[in-house]
N, C-alpha and C. Protein backbone atom coordinates (compact mmCIF):
# COMPACT_ATOMS: atom_id res chain seq x y z
N LEU A 1 0.81 -1.19 0.00
CA LEU A 1 0.00 0.00 0.00
C LEU A 1 0.86 1.26 0.00
N ALA A 2 1.97 1.20 0.74
CA ALA A 2 2.87 2.35 0.77
C ALA A 2 3.45 2.59 -0.61
N LYS A 3 3.76 1.52 -1.34
CA LYS A 3 4.31 1.68 -2.70
C LYS A 3 3.30 2.33 -3.62
N ALA A 4 2.05 1.94 -3.52
CA ALA A 4 1.01 2.52 -4.37
C ALA A 4 0.84 4.00 -4.06
N SER A 5 0.86 4.37 -2.80
CA SER A 5 0.71 5.78 -2.42
C SER A 5 1.87 6.60 -2.93
N GLU A 6 3.10 6.03 -2.80
CA GLU A 6 4.28 6.75 -3.29
C GLU A 6 4.19 6.96 -4.79
N SER A 7 3.80 5.90 -5.51
CA SER A 7 3.74 6.03 -6.96
C SER A 7 2.63 7.00 -7.37
N GLN A 8 1.51 7.00 -6.65
CA GLN A 8 0.45 7.97 -6.95
C GLN A 8 0.91 9.40 -6.66
N ALA A 9 1.67 9.56 -5.58
CA ALA A 9 2.16 10.89 -5.25
C ALA A 9 3.11 11.39 -6.32
N VAL A 10 3.97 10.50 -6.81
CA VAL A 10 4.90 10.89 -7.86
C VAL A 10 4.13 11.24 -9.13
N GLN A 11 3.13 10.42 -9.47
CA GLN A 11 2.34 10.70 -10.66
C GLN A 11 1.54 11.99 -10.51
N ALA A 12 1.05 12.23 -9.30
CA ALA A 12 0.29 13.46 -9.09
C ALA A 12 1.19 14.68 -9.22
N ASP A 13 2.45 14.55 -8.81
CA ASP A 13 3.38 15.67 -8.91
C ASP A 13 3.73 16.00 -10.36
N LYS A 14 3.83 14.99 -11.20
CA LYS A 14 4.27 15.22 -12.58
C LYS A 14 3.42 16.25 -13.32
N PRO A 15 2.09 16.10 -13.36
CA PRO A 15 1.33 17.10 -14.11
C PRO A 15 1.31 18.48 -13.44
N LEU A 16 1.56 18.54 -12.14
CA LEU A 16 1.53 19.82 -11.46
C LEU A 16 2.77 20.67 -11.77
N LYS A 17 3.90 20.04 -12.03
CA LYS A 17 5.12 20.80 -12.25
C LYS A 17 5.04 21.75 -13.45
N PRO A 18 4.56 21.33 -14.63
CA PRO A 18 4.53 22.27 -15.73
C PRO A 18 3.43 23.32 -15.63
N GLN A 19 2.38 23.07 -14.85
CA GLN A 19 1.26 24.02 -14.80
C GLN A 19 1.66 25.42 -14.38
N PRO A 20 2.46 25.61 -13.31
CA PRO A 20 2.82 26.99 -12.98
C PRO A 20 3.56 27.70 -14.10
N VAL A 21 4.36 26.97 -14.86
CA VAL A 21 5.08 27.58 -15.98
C VAL A 21 4.07 28.06 -17.02
N GLU A 22 3.08 27.22 -17.31
CA GLU A 22 2.07 27.62 -18.30
C GLU A 22 1.28 28.84 -17.80
N LYS A 23 0.92 28.86 -16.54
CA LYS A 23 0.18 30.00 -15.99
C LYS A 23 1.02 31.26 -16.09
N THR A 24 2.29 31.16 -15.78
CA THR A 24 3.17 32.32 -15.85
C THR A 24 3.25 32.83 -17.27
N ALA A 25 3.44 31.93 -18.23
CA ALA A 25 3.53 32.36 -19.63
C ALA A 25 2.24 33.04 -20.07
N ALA A 26 1.10 32.49 -19.67
CA ALA A 26 -0.18 33.09 -20.06
C ALA A 26 -0.36 34.46 -19.42
N SER A 27 0.01 34.58 -18.15
CA SER A 27 -0.18 35.87 -17.50
C SER A 27 0.75 36.93 -18.07
N VAL A 28 1.92 36.53 -18.54
CA VAL A 28 2.83 37.48 -19.17
C VAL A 28 2.20 38.02 -20.45
N LYS A 29 1.56 37.14 -21.22
CA LYS A 29 0.93 37.56 -22.46
C LYS A 29 -0.25 38.48 -22.21
N GLN A 30 -0.98 38.26 -21.12
CA GLN A 30 -2.21 39.01 -20.89
C GLN A 30 -2.01 40.25 -20.03
N LYS A 31 -0.89 40.38 -19.36
CA LYS A 31 -0.65 41.53 -18.50
C LYS A 31 0.26 42.53 -19.20
N SER A 32 -0.13 43.78 -19.13
CA SER A 32 0.66 44.84 -19.74
C SER A 32 1.71 45.32 -18.75
N ALA A 33 2.98 45.30 -19.16
CA ALA A 33 4.06 45.75 -18.28
C ALA A 33 4.11 47.28 -18.20
N TYR A 34 3.71 47.94 -19.28
CA TYR A 34 3.77 49.41 -19.35
C TYR A 34 2.45 49.97 -19.89
N PRO A 35 1.39 49.89 -19.11
CA PRO A 35 0.08 50.29 -19.64
C PRO A 35 -0.21 51.79 -19.68
N TYR A 36 0.69 52.61 -19.14
CA TYR A 36 0.40 54.04 -19.06
C TYR A 36 1.31 54.88 -19.93
N SER A 37 0.73 55.94 -20.49
CA SER A 37 1.46 56.94 -21.28
C SER A 37 1.08 58.31 -20.73
N ILE A 38 1.87 59.30 -21.11
CA ILE A 38 1.52 60.68 -20.80
C ILE A 38 1.02 61.31 -22.08
N MET A 39 -0.21 61.83 -22.05
CA MET A 39 -0.74 62.51 -23.23
C MET A 39 -0.40 63.99 -23.09
N LEU A 40 0.42 64.46 -24.02
CA LEU A 40 0.89 65.84 -24.02
C LEU A 40 -0.08 66.77 -24.73
N SER A 41 -0.72 66.24 -25.78
CA SER A 41 -1.61 67.07 -26.58
C SER A 41 -2.47 66.18 -27.46
N SER A 42 -3.53 66.75 -27.97
CA SER A 42 -4.38 66.08 -28.94
C SER A 42 -4.70 67.10 -30.03
N CYS A 43 -4.39 66.76 -31.27
CA CYS A 43 -4.51 67.72 -32.38
C CYS A 43 -5.32 67.11 -33.52
N ARG A 44 -5.95 67.96 -34.27
CA ARG A 44 -6.64 67.50 -35.48
C ARG A 44 -5.71 67.51 -36.69
N LEU A 45 -4.81 68.48 -36.75
CA LEU A 45 -3.96 68.66 -37.92
C LEU A 45 -2.56 68.10 -37.73
N PRO A 46 -2.04 67.40 -38.75
CA PRO A 46 -0.68 66.85 -38.65
C PRO A 46 0.38 67.91 -38.36
N GLN A 47 0.25 69.11 -38.97
CA GLN A 47 1.26 70.14 -38.73
C GLN A 47 1.24 70.61 -37.26
N SER A 48 0.07 70.60 -36.64
CA SER A 48 -0.02 70.95 -35.22
C SER A 48 0.69 69.90 -34.37
N ALA A 49 0.46 68.65 -34.70
CA ALA A 49 1.11 67.55 -33.96
C ALA A 49 2.62 67.62 -34.13
N ARG A 50 3.09 67.91 -35.35
CA ARG A 50 4.55 68.02 -35.58
C ARG A 50 5.16 69.14 -34.74
N LYS A 51 4.44 70.26 -34.64
CA LYS A 51 4.93 71.39 -33.85
C LYS A 51 5.01 71.01 -32.36
N VAL A 52 4.00 70.34 -31.87
CA VAL A 52 3.99 69.90 -30.46
C VAL A 52 5.17 68.95 -30.21
N VAL A 53 5.36 67.99 -31.11
CA VAL A 53 6.47 67.04 -30.99
C VAL A 53 7.79 67.79 -30.94
N SER A 54 7.98 68.72 -31.86
CA SER A 54 9.22 69.49 -31.93
C SER A 54 9.47 70.27 -30.63
N ASN A 55 8.43 70.89 -30.10
CA ASN A 55 8.57 71.67 -28.87
C ASN A 55 8.97 70.78 -27.69
N TYR A 56 8.37 69.61 -27.59
CA TYR A 56 8.70 68.71 -26.47
C TYR A 56 10.07 68.05 -26.66
N GLN A 57 10.46 67.83 -27.90
CA GLN A 57 11.81 67.30 -28.14
C GLN A 57 12.87 68.29 -27.68
N LYS A 58 12.60 69.58 -27.85
CA LYS A 58 13.54 70.62 -27.43
C LYS A 58 13.80 70.61 -25.93
N VAL A 59 12.83 70.14 -25.15
CA VAL A 59 13.01 70.08 -23.70
C VAL A 59 13.42 68.69 -23.22
N GLY A 60 13.79 67.82 -24.17
CA GLY A 60 14.35 66.53 -23.81
C GLY A 60 13.41 65.34 -23.75
N LEU A 61 12.16 65.52 -24.13
CA LEU A 61 11.24 64.38 -24.16
C LEU A 61 11.32 63.67 -25.52
N ALA A 62 10.82 62.45 -25.56
CA ALA A 62 10.78 61.69 -26.81
C ALA A 62 9.32 61.38 -27.14
N PRO A 63 8.56 62.40 -27.59
CA PRO A 63 7.14 62.18 -27.88
C PRO A 63 6.92 61.36 -29.15
N TYR A 64 5.77 60.73 -29.20
CA TYR A 64 5.36 59.98 -30.39
C TYR A 64 3.89 60.28 -30.65
N VAL A 65 3.50 60.14 -31.90
CA VAL A 65 2.15 60.50 -32.32
C VAL A 65 1.36 59.23 -32.62
N VAL A 66 0.12 59.23 -32.15
CA VAL A 66 -0.78 58.10 -32.39
C VAL A 66 -2.07 58.65 -32.97
N LYS A 67 -2.43 58.13 -34.15
CA LYS A 67 -3.69 58.53 -34.78
C LYS A 67 -4.82 57.71 -34.15
N VAL A 68 -5.85 58.42 -33.69
CA VAL A 68 -6.97 57.77 -33.04
C VAL A 68 -8.24 58.12 -33.80
N LYS A 69 -9.00 57.09 -34.13
CA LYS A 69 -10.27 57.30 -34.83
C LYS A 69 -11.42 57.09 -33.85
N PHE A 70 -12.35 58.04 -33.86
CA PHE A 70 -13.53 57.96 -33.04
C PHE A 70 -14.72 57.68 -33.94
N ASP A 71 -15.91 57.69 -33.37
CA ASP A 71 -17.13 57.45 -34.15
C ASP A 71 -17.26 58.46 -35.28
N LYS A 72 -17.93 58.06 -36.32
CA LYS A 72 -18.21 58.92 -37.48
C LYS A 72 -16.94 59.46 -38.13
N ASP A 73 -15.91 58.65 -38.18
CA ASP A 73 -14.64 58.99 -38.83
C ASP A 73 -13.97 60.24 -38.26
N ASP A 74 -14.28 60.59 -37.02
CA ASP A 74 -13.62 61.70 -36.35
C ASP A 74 -12.22 61.23 -35.97
N GLU A 75 -11.19 61.93 -36.45
CA GLU A 75 -9.82 61.49 -36.28
C GLU A 75 -9.00 62.56 -35.55
N TRP A 76 -8.21 62.12 -34.57
CA TRP A 76 -7.34 63.00 -33.80
C TRP A 76 -5.94 62.42 -33.75
N LEU A 77 -4.98 63.28 -33.55
CA LEU A 77 -3.59 62.85 -33.39
C LEU A 77 -3.19 63.12 -31.94
N ARG A 78 -2.94 62.05 -31.22
CA ARG A 78 -2.51 62.20 -29.82
C ARG A 78 -0.99 62.25 -29.79
N VAL A 79 -0.46 63.22 -29.09
CA VAL A 79 0.98 63.29 -28.87
C VAL A 79 1.22 62.75 -27.46
N LEU A 80 1.89 61.61 -27.41
CA LEU A 80 2.14 60.91 -26.16
C LEU A 80 3.63 60.86 -25.87
N SER A 81 3.95 60.55 -24.64
CA SER A 81 5.34 60.38 -24.25
C SER A 81 5.43 59.27 -23.22
N GLY A 82 6.46 58.48 -23.33
CA GLY A 82 6.76 57.48 -22.31
C GLY A 82 5.88 56.25 -22.31
N HIS A 83 6.28 55.35 -21.44
CA HIS A 83 5.55 54.12 -21.16
C HIS A 83 5.88 53.77 -19.71
N TYR A 84 4.85 53.66 -18.90
CA TYR A 84 5.03 53.54 -17.46
C TYR A 84 4.30 52.34 -16.90
N LYS A 85 4.88 51.77 -15.86
CA LYS A 85 4.31 50.58 -15.21
C LYS A 85 3.06 50.93 -14.40
N THR A 86 3.09 52.11 -13.77
CA THR A 86 1.96 52.50 -12.92
C THR A 86 1.52 53.93 -13.23
N ARG A 87 0.32 54.22 -12.83
CA ARG A 87 -0.22 55.57 -12.97
C ARG A 87 0.61 56.55 -12.13
N HIS A 88 1.00 56.09 -10.95
CA HIS A 88 1.82 56.92 -10.06
C HIS A 88 3.15 57.29 -10.72
N GLU A 89 3.77 56.32 -11.38
CA GLU A 89 5.04 56.57 -12.09
C GLU A 89 4.86 57.64 -13.17
N ALA A 90 3.76 57.55 -13.90
CA ALA A 90 3.48 58.54 -14.96
C ALA A 90 3.20 59.92 -14.35
N LEU A 91 2.46 59.96 -13.25
CA LEU A 91 2.19 61.24 -12.59
C LEU A 91 3.48 61.88 -12.07
N LYS A 92 4.37 61.05 -11.57
CA LYS A 92 5.66 61.54 -11.09
C LYS A 92 6.46 62.16 -12.25
N ALA A 93 6.44 61.50 -13.42
CA ALA A 93 7.13 62.03 -14.60
C ALA A 93 6.53 63.36 -15.04
N ILE A 94 5.22 63.49 -14.95
CA ILE A 94 4.55 64.75 -15.28
C ILE A 94 5.05 65.86 -14.36
N GLN A 95 5.11 65.54 -13.08
CA GLN A 95 5.56 66.52 -12.09
C GLN A 95 7.03 66.89 -12.30
N GLU A 96 7.89 65.89 -12.49
CA GLU A 96 9.32 66.12 -12.67
C GLU A 96 9.63 66.95 -13.91
N ASN A 97 8.85 66.74 -14.97
CA ASN A 97 9.06 67.46 -16.22
C ASN A 97 8.21 68.72 -16.34
N ARG A 98 7.48 69.04 -15.28
CA ARG A 98 6.63 70.23 -15.23
C ARG A 98 5.68 70.31 -16.42
N LEU A 99 4.97 69.22 -16.64
CA LEU A 99 4.04 69.12 -17.77
C LEU A 99 2.63 69.44 -17.27
N SER A 100 2.38 70.68 -17.00
CA SER A 100 1.15 71.10 -16.33
C SER A 100 -0.13 70.73 -17.09
N ASN A 101 -0.10 70.68 -18.40
CA ASN A 101 -1.31 70.36 -19.17
C ASN A 101 -1.40 68.90 -19.58
N ALA A 102 -0.44 68.09 -19.19
CA ALA A 102 -0.42 66.68 -19.58
C ALA A 102 -1.34 65.86 -18.67
N ILE A 103 -1.83 64.75 -19.22
CA ILE A 103 -2.64 63.82 -18.43
C ILE A 103 -2.12 62.40 -18.62
N VAL A 104 -2.41 61.57 -17.65
CA VAL A 104 -2.04 60.16 -17.74
C VAL A 104 -3.15 59.43 -18.49
N LYS A 105 -2.75 58.61 -19.43
CA LYS A 105 -3.71 57.86 -20.24
C LYS A 105 -3.34 56.38 -20.16
N LYS A 106 -4.31 55.53 -19.92
CA LYS A 106 -4.05 54.08 -19.92
C LYS A 106 -4.13 53.60 -21.37
N THR A 107 -2.98 53.20 -21.90
CA THR A 107 -2.86 52.80 -23.30
C THR A 107 -2.08 51.48 -23.37
N PRO A 108 -2.67 50.38 -22.97
CA PRO A 108 -1.91 49.13 -22.85
C PRO A 108 -1.60 48.41 -24.16
N TYR A 109 -2.26 48.75 -25.25
CA TYR A 109 -2.07 48.02 -26.51
C TYR A 109 -1.15 48.75 -27.48
N THR A 110 -0.35 48.00 -28.19
CA THR A 110 0.54 48.57 -29.19
C THR A 110 0.78 47.55 -30.30
N ASN A 111 1.51 47.97 -31.32
CA ASN A 111 1.87 47.10 -32.44
C ASN A 111 3.37 46.84 -32.39
N LEU A 112 3.72 45.60 -32.14
CA LEU A 112 5.12 45.20 -32.10
C LEU A 112 5.60 44.95 -33.53
N ILE A 113 6.62 45.70 -33.91
CA ILE A 113 7.22 45.55 -35.24
C ILE A 113 8.31 44.49 -35.20
N GLY A 114 9.09 44.49 -34.14
CA GLY A 114 10.16 43.51 -34.00
C GLY A 114 10.90 43.70 -32.69
N THR A 115 11.65 42.67 -32.32
CA THR A 115 12.49 42.70 -31.13
C THR A 115 13.93 42.58 -31.57
N TYR A 116 14.77 43.46 -31.05
CA TYR A 116 16.17 43.55 -31.50
C TYR A 116 17.11 43.50 -30.30
N THR A 117 18.33 43.02 -30.55
CA THR A 117 19.31 42.91 -29.48
C THR A 117 20.07 44.21 -29.24
N SER A 118 20.02 45.13 -30.22
CA SER A 118 20.74 46.39 -30.04
C SER A 118 20.03 47.51 -30.82
N MET A 119 20.39 48.73 -30.47
CA MET A 119 19.85 49.88 -31.18
C MET A 119 20.32 49.87 -32.63
N ASN A 120 21.56 49.49 -32.86
CA ASN A 120 22.09 49.44 -34.23
C ASN A 120 21.31 48.47 -35.09
N GLU A 121 20.98 47.31 -34.53
CA GLU A 121 20.23 46.30 -35.28
C GLU A 121 18.83 46.82 -35.65
N MET A 122 18.25 47.64 -34.79
CA MET A 122 16.90 48.15 -34.98
C MET A 122 16.84 49.38 -35.88
N GLN A 123 17.93 50.10 -36.05
CA GLN A 123 17.94 51.42 -36.67
C GLN A 123 17.34 51.46 -38.09
N ALA A 124 17.69 50.51 -38.93
CA ALA A 124 17.20 50.52 -40.31
C ALA A 124 15.67 50.41 -40.35
N LYS A 125 15.10 49.52 -39.54
CA LYS A 125 13.66 49.33 -39.51
C LYS A 125 12.99 50.58 -38.94
N LEU A 126 13.57 51.16 -37.91
CA LEU A 126 13.04 52.38 -37.31
C LEU A 126 13.00 53.51 -38.33
N ASN A 127 14.07 53.68 -39.08
CA ASN A 127 14.13 54.72 -40.11
C ASN A 127 13.10 54.48 -41.21
N ARG A 128 12.91 53.23 -41.61
CA ARG A 128 11.94 52.90 -42.66
C ARG A 128 10.52 53.26 -42.21
N ILE A 129 10.20 52.95 -40.97
CA ILE A 129 8.86 53.23 -40.45
C ILE A 129 8.65 54.73 -40.32
N LYS A 130 9.66 55.46 -39.88
CA LYS A 130 9.57 56.92 -39.81
C LYS A 130 9.35 57.52 -41.19
N ALA A 131 10.06 56.99 -42.20
CA ALA A 131 9.94 57.49 -43.57
C ALA A 131 8.52 57.31 -44.12
N LEU A 132 7.80 56.32 -43.60
CA LEU A 132 6.42 56.09 -44.02
C LEU A 132 5.42 56.98 -43.26
N GLY A 133 5.94 57.83 -42.38
CA GLY A 133 5.08 58.77 -41.68
C GLY A 133 4.60 58.32 -40.30
N TYR A 134 5.14 57.23 -39.80
CA TYR A 134 4.74 56.75 -38.48
C TYR A 134 5.69 57.28 -37.42
N SER A 135 5.30 57.12 -36.19
CA SER A 135 6.05 57.63 -35.06
C SER A 135 6.44 56.45 -34.15
N PRO A 136 7.42 55.65 -34.59
CA PRO A 136 7.81 54.47 -33.80
C PRO A 136 8.62 54.87 -32.56
N TYR A 137 8.61 53.99 -31.60
CA TYR A 137 9.45 54.16 -30.41
C TYR A 137 9.83 52.76 -29.94
N PHE A 138 10.69 52.69 -28.95
CA PHE A 138 11.08 51.37 -28.48
C PHE A 138 10.90 51.27 -26.97
N ILE A 139 10.71 50.04 -26.54
CA ILE A 139 10.60 49.73 -25.12
C ILE A 139 11.68 48.70 -24.81
N LYS A 140 12.53 49.02 -23.87
CA LYS A 140 13.59 48.09 -23.48
C LYS A 140 12.97 47.02 -22.58
N THR A 141 13.21 45.75 -22.91
CA THR A 141 12.64 44.66 -22.15
C THR A 141 13.50 44.33 -20.93
N HIS A 142 12.97 43.51 -20.05
CA HIS A 142 13.72 43.10 -18.86
C HIS A 142 14.95 42.26 -19.22
N THR A 143 14.98 41.73 -20.43
CA THR A 143 16.14 40.94 -20.87
C THR A 143 17.18 41.79 -21.61
N GLY A 144 16.90 43.10 -21.74
CA GLY A 144 17.85 43.99 -22.40
C GLY A 144 17.64 44.14 -23.90
N HIS A 145 16.61 43.49 -24.44
CA HIS A 145 16.28 43.64 -25.86
C HIS A 145 15.46 44.91 -26.07
N PHE A 146 15.27 45.26 -27.32
CA PHE A 146 14.50 46.45 -27.68
C PHE A 146 13.29 46.04 -28.50
N ASN A 147 12.09 46.34 -28.00
CA ASN A 147 10.86 46.11 -28.76
C ASN A 147 10.55 47.38 -29.53
N LEU A 148 10.57 47.29 -30.86
CA LEU A 148 10.21 48.42 -31.71
C LEU A 148 8.70 48.36 -31.89
N VAL A 149 8.03 49.46 -31.52
CA VAL A 149 6.57 49.47 -31.54
C VAL A 149 6.04 50.74 -32.21
N VAL A 150 4.78 50.65 -32.62
CA VAL A 150 4.05 51.80 -33.17
C VAL A 150 2.71 51.86 -32.46
N GLY A 151 2.40 53.04 -31.93
CA GLY A 151 1.10 53.26 -31.32
C GLY A 151 1.05 52.93 -29.84
N ALA A 152 0.02 53.48 -29.22
CA ALA A 152 -0.33 53.21 -27.82
C ALA A 152 -1.84 53.43 -27.76
N PHE A 153 -2.57 52.33 -27.57
CA PHE A 153 -4.02 52.39 -27.73
C PHE A 153 -4.76 51.99 -26.46
N VAL A 154 -5.89 52.61 -26.27
CA VAL A 154 -6.76 52.30 -25.14
C VAL A 154 -7.40 50.93 -25.34
N THR A 155 -7.76 50.63 -26.59
CA THR A 155 -8.45 49.37 -26.89
C THR A 155 -7.63 48.50 -27.83
N LYS A 156 -7.91 47.21 -27.75
CA LYS A 156 -7.27 46.27 -28.66
C LYS A 156 -7.73 46.54 -30.10
N GLU A 157 -8.98 46.96 -30.25
CA GLU A 157 -9.52 47.28 -31.57
C GLU A 157 -8.72 48.38 -32.26
N GLY A 158 -8.33 49.41 -31.50
CA GLY A 158 -7.51 50.49 -32.05
C GLY A 158 -6.18 49.97 -32.57
N ALA A 159 -5.57 49.07 -31.79
CA ALA A 159 -4.29 48.48 -32.20
C ALA A 159 -4.48 47.57 -33.42
N GLU A 160 -5.59 46.84 -33.47
CA GLU A 160 -5.87 45.97 -34.63
C GLU A 160 -6.05 46.80 -35.90
N ASN A 161 -6.72 47.94 -35.78
CA ASN A 161 -6.90 48.83 -36.93
C ASN A 161 -5.55 49.34 -37.43
N LYS A 162 -4.66 49.69 -36.50
CA LYS A 162 -3.32 50.15 -36.88
C LYS A 162 -2.54 49.01 -37.54
N LYS A 163 -2.71 47.80 -37.05
CA LYS A 163 -2.03 46.64 -37.64
C LYS A 163 -2.44 46.48 -39.10
N THR A 164 -3.72 46.61 -39.38
CA THR A 164 -4.22 46.52 -40.76
C THR A 164 -3.61 47.61 -41.63
N GLU A 165 -3.56 48.82 -41.10
CA GLU A 165 -2.97 49.94 -41.84
C GLU A 165 -1.48 49.70 -42.11
N LEU A 166 -0.76 49.24 -41.10
CA LEU A 166 0.67 48.95 -41.26
C LEU A 166 0.88 47.87 -42.33
N GLN A 167 0.06 46.83 -42.29
CA GLN A 167 0.19 45.73 -43.27
C GLN A 167 -0.05 46.24 -44.68
N SER A 168 -0.96 47.20 -44.84
CA SER A 168 -1.24 47.73 -46.18
C SER A 168 -0.02 48.46 -46.75
N LYS A 169 0.91 48.84 -45.86
CA LYS A 169 2.14 49.51 -46.29
C LYS A 169 3.35 48.58 -46.23
N GLY A 170 3.08 47.28 -46.08
CA GLY A 170 4.15 46.29 -46.11
C GLY A 170 4.90 46.11 -44.80
N ILE A 171 4.32 46.58 -43.70
CA ILE A 171 4.96 46.43 -42.39
C ILE A 171 4.19 45.39 -41.59
N GLN A 172 4.86 44.31 -41.26
CA GLN A 172 4.26 43.27 -40.45
C GLN A 172 4.34 43.66 -38.99
N SER A 173 3.26 43.41 -38.25
CA SER A 173 3.27 43.71 -36.82
C SER A 173 2.35 42.73 -36.09
N THR A 174 2.48 42.74 -34.79
CA THR A 174 1.65 41.91 -33.92
C THR A 174 1.10 42.81 -32.84
N VAL A 175 -0.19 42.70 -32.57
CA VAL A 175 -0.79 43.47 -31.49
C VAL A 175 -0.39 42.80 -30.18
N ILE A 176 0.17 43.62 -29.29
CA ILE A 176 0.58 43.11 -27.97
C ILE A 176 0.15 44.09 -26.89
N MET A 177 0.22 43.62 -25.67
CA MET A 177 0.07 44.53 -24.53
C MET A 177 1.48 44.95 -24.19
N ARG A 178 1.68 46.26 -24.15
CA ARG A 178 3.06 46.73 -23.98
C ARG A 178 3.53 46.73 -22.56
């Protein structure tokens, strides 16, 4: 009887060992590491967005532009900056940079263009995407790699729409939680 119990215990342990690994992998895919951005401005005209970007670049920020479509084809250009783990972290950045008119926006979805081991490896793709009129940026991963991304969206649908647009211009991407 002791042998049967031991063998059952060993068998019971076997399927349990891989389960935590699977749960961890799934939670990584579903949880956004950097769900917050700072919204610096929202503009209707591309030239207005370019001016806002230029002004914030002069003070040391790295803003990026995200086209957002609302109901009835109403389209705005959001000028965002950063990617933050918490709302508090984003609010602290607003305070440190004296961004009095900025707000924190939860934008967990983005379009992953590729993952690179160095800035040099990523540079050609980054330049190509910029030349097409997009505003790419990168997020450094916990492993030291660089995720080249486009957009920061409130909804998965917004990111899916951007993915379709990118594909129409020959850029492959994957919608991820950033």
